[in-house]
Amino acid sequence: MPTACVFVDTNVFVYARQALEAEKQPVAAQWIDRLWREQTGRTSMQVLSECYVTLVRGLEPAPPRGLAWDYVRSLLAWKPQPIEEPVFHRAFEIEQRDRLSWWDCLIVASAQLQACSVLLTEDLQDGAVFGDVTVRNPFALGVSDDLAAYVPAGLELPPYPRRGRPARARA
């Protein structure tokens, strides 16, 4: 049975490191731990940038910059979606169709381009569907819930994108 790739938005990463959020911190941390274990977590460079800035400038007390940097840098293993031309084009289509904020359009576009079935965020309506991506509030969806129901029929994904050069076409 295929496992859903899950795109994680900034707020989940921040809550996972925010000890003062007694109810949300453990749940966010459990989501992050699960996605590391299953190797199905996805995110974007936009999210990692927002996460770093929020950790060092938006929290009281702010963690030391070195710890915040180490946390965000570790998430580079998730192969975050860069903000490049295909993301811009997809985000524009989403903006025209769904009337989301530009920043949310970039998030949805990044999730779509990484073939994610679930987008964990508090910033969009729980249960909203954008193409093959379903928005879920990480504090409404159980960490141990089966995510296979979100995977479109027939979709099989490797846990993390393959590395290396593509095979050369033979003439």
Protein backbone atom coordinates (compact mmCIF):
# COMPACT_ATOMS: atom_id res chain seq x y z
CA MET A 1 0.00 0.00 0.00
CA PRO A 2 1.49 3.36 -0.99
CA THR A 3 2.32 5.92 1.67
CA ALA A 4 1.34 9.53 1.22
CA CYS A 5 4.06 12.12 0.88
CA VAL A 6 3.27 14.94 3.30
CA PHE A 7 4.20 18.57 2.74
CA VAL A 8 4.89 20.37 6.02
CA ASP A 9 4.25 24.09 6.34
CA THR A 10 6.20 26.50 8.53
CA ASN A 11 3.85 26.52 11.49
CA VAL A 12 4.30 22.79 12.13
CA PHE A 13 8.10 23.05 12.19
CA VAL A 14 7.93 26.07 14.49
CA TYR A 15 5.45 24.47 16.91
CA ALA A 16 7.69 21.40 17.10
CA ARG A 17 10.41 23.64 18.59
CA GLN A 18 8.18 25.90 20.69
CA ALA A 19 8.17 24.53 24.26
CA LEU A 20 5.72 27.22 25.43
CA GLU A 21 2.99 25.69 23.23
CA ALA A 22 2.16 22.89 25.69
CA GLU A 23 -0.62 21.35 23.56
CA LYS A 24 0.72 21.86 20.04
CA GLN A 25 4.44 21.26 20.58
CA PRO A 26 4.27 17.52 21.31
CA VAL A 27 1.85 16.87 18.44
CA ALA A 28 3.95 18.84 15.94
CA ALA A 29 7.09 17.05 17.15
CA GLN A 30 5.36 13.68 16.72
CA TRP A 31 4.41 14.59 13.13
CA ILE A 32 7.98 15.57 12.32
CA ASP A 33 9.33 12.39 13.94
CA ARG A 34 6.87 10.24 11.96
CA LEU A 35 7.77 11.86 8.66
CA TRP A 36 11.49 11.44 9.35
CA ARG A 37 10.95 7.77 10.20
CA GLU A 38 8.81 7.09 7.13
CA GLN A 39 10.90 9.37 4.90
CA THR A 40 7.74 10.87 3.47
CA GLY A 41 8.17 14.46 4.67
CA ARG A 42 8.45 17.18 2.06
CA THR A 43 8.78 20.96 2.28
CA SER A 44 10.16 23.90 0.32
CA MET A 45 12.98 26.39 0.57
CA GLN A 46 10.33 29.06 1.18
CA VAL A 47 9.12 27.16 4.26
CA LEU A 48 12.65 26.62 5.56
CA SER A 49 13.39 30.33 5.17
CA GLU A 50 10.18 31.28 6.99
CA CYS A 51 10.94 28.73 9.70
CA TYR A 52 14.41 30.11 10.39
CA VAL A 53 13.21 33.71 10.53
CA THR A 54 10.28 32.82 12.78
CA LEU A 55 12.49 30.86 15.16
CA VAL A 56 15.13 33.57 15.55
CA ARG A 57 12.92 36.67 15.35
CA GLY A 58 9.36 35.64 16.15
CA LEU A 59 9.64 33.58 19.32
CA GLU A 60 10.08 34.70 22.90
CA PRO A 61 12.42 33.45 24.10
CA ALA A 62 14.17 32.87 20.79
CA PRO A 63 16.43 29.83 20.56
CA PRO A 64 20.11 30.52 19.92
CA ARG A 65 20.67 31.20 16.21
CA GLY A 66 23.04 28.24 15.97
CA LEU A 67 20.38 25.82 17.22
CA ALA A 68 17.74 27.29 14.92
CA TRP A 69 20.15 27.04 11.99
CA ASP A 70 21.07 23.42 12.81
CA TYR A 71 17.36 22.50 12.94
CA VAL A 72 16.53 24.14 9.61
CA ARG A 73 19.71 22.82 7.99
CA SER A 74 18.81 19.27 9.03
CA LEU A 75 15.59 19.60 7.05
CA LEU A 76 17.60 19.97 3.84
CA ALA A 77 17.62 16.15 3.89
CA TRP A 78 13.95 16.36 2.90
CA LYS A 79 15.08 17.74 -0.48
CA PRO A 80 12.99 20.93 -0.25
CA GLN A 81 11.34 22.27 -3.38
CA PRO A 82 13.30 25.26 -4.69
CA ILE A 83 11.33 28.30 -5.74
CA GLU A 84 11.95 28.16 -9.46
CA GLU A 85 10.00 28.85 -12.63
CA PRO A 86 7.71 25.77 -12.49
CA VAL A 87 6.62 26.72 -8.97
CA PHE A 88 5.86 30.28 -10.09
CA HIS A 89 3.76 29.11 -13.04
CA ARG A 90 1.83 26.61 -10.93
CA ALA A 91 1.33 29.16 -8.15
CA PHE A 92 -0.09 31.65 -10.65
CA GLU A 93 -2.58 29.04 -11.89
CA ILE A 94 -3.63 28.31 -8.31
CA GLU A 95 -3.99 32.01 -7.53
CA GLN A 96 -6.25 32.55 -10.54
CA ARG A 97 -8.39 29.49 -9.83
CA ASP A 98 -8.54 29.37 -6.02
CA ARG A 99 -7.94 33.00 -4.98
CA LEU A 100 -5.42 32.13 -2.26
CA SER A 101 -2.73 34.51 -1.07
CA TRP A 102 0.40 34.41 -3.20
CA TRP A 103 2.43 32.85 -0.36
CA ASP A 104 -0.13 30.08 0.11
CA CYS A 105 -0.16 29.52 -3.67
CA LEU A 106 3.60 28.92 -3.55
CA ILE A 107 3.09 26.38 -0.75
CA VAL A 108 0.34 24.51 -2.60
CA ALA A 109 2.33 24.59 -5.85
CA SER A 110 5.41 23.19 -4.09
CA ALA A 111 3.31 20.42 -2.53
CA GLN A 112 1.82 19.55 -5.91
CA LEU A 113 5.16 19.53 -7.71
CA GLN A 114 6.51 17.10 -5.11
CA ALA A 115 3.50 14.79 -5.58
CA CYS A 116 2.35 15.28 -1.99
CA SER A 117 -1.08 13.98 -1.09
CA VAL A 118 -1.33 15.85 2.23
CA LEU A 119 -0.41 19.41 3.18
CA LEU A 120 -0.06 19.84 6.96
CA THR A 121 -0.85 23.44 7.89
CA GLU A 122 -3.07 25.58 10.07
CA ASP A 123 -3.04 28.35 7.48
CA LEU A 124 -5.58 26.87 5.07
CA GLN A 125 -9.00 25.31 5.62
CA ASP A 126 -8.81 21.75 6.97
CA GLY A 127 -10.08 19.37 4.29
CA ALA A 128 -9.65 21.78 1.36
CA VAL A 129 -8.49 20.01 -1.79
CA PHE A 130 -6.19 21.52 -4.42
CA GLY A 131 -5.72 19.00 -7.22
CA ASP A 132 -4.33 15.85 -5.56
CA VAL A 133 -3.31 17.73 -2.39
CA THR A 134 -5.59 17.66 0.64
CA VAL A 135 -5.02 20.23 3.38
CA ARG A 136 -5.06 18.79 6.88
CA ASN A 137 -4.70 20.59 10.16
CA PRO A 138 -1.95 18.67 11.99
CA PHE A 139 -3.82 19.10 15.27
CA ALA A 140 -7.09 17.69 13.90
CA LEU A 141 -5.57 14.73 12.02
CA GLY A 142 -4.15 12.04 14.28
CA VAL A 143 -0.41 11.47 14.02
CA SER A 144 -1.00 7.72 13.84
CA ASP A 145 -3.79 7.97 11.23
CA ASP A 146 -3.35 6.00 8.01
CA LEU A 147 -2.53 8.44 5.22
CA ALA A 148 -2.89 5.91 2.40
CA ALA A 149 -6.46 7.06 1.80
CA TYR A 150 -5.09 10.38 0.53
CA VAL A 151 -2.91 8.81 -2.15
CA PRO A 152 -4.48 8.88 -5.62
CA ALA A 153 -5.16 5.40 -7.02
CA GLY A 154 -2.22 3.92 -8.86
CA LEU A 155 0.35 6.37 -7.48
CA GLU A 156 3.57 4.73 -6.28
CA LEU A 157 6.29 7.04 -5.01
CA PRO A 158 9.81 6.36 -3.82
CA PRO A 159 10.30 7.62 -0.23
CA TYR A 160 12.74 10.35 -1.26
CA PRO A 161 13.56 11.64 -4.75
CA ARG A 162 16.18 9.59 -6.52
CA ARG A 163 19.64 11.04 -6.73
CA GLY A 164 22.11 11.04 -9.56
CA ARG A 165 21.89 11.72 -13.22
CA PRO A 166 19.02 10.49 -15.33
CA ALA A 167 19.81 7.72 -17.79
CA ARG A 168 20.83 9.00 -21.20
CA ALA A 169 18.46 8.31 -24.03
CA ARG A 170 19.89 6.07 -26.70
CA ALA A 171 19.46 7.03 -30.30
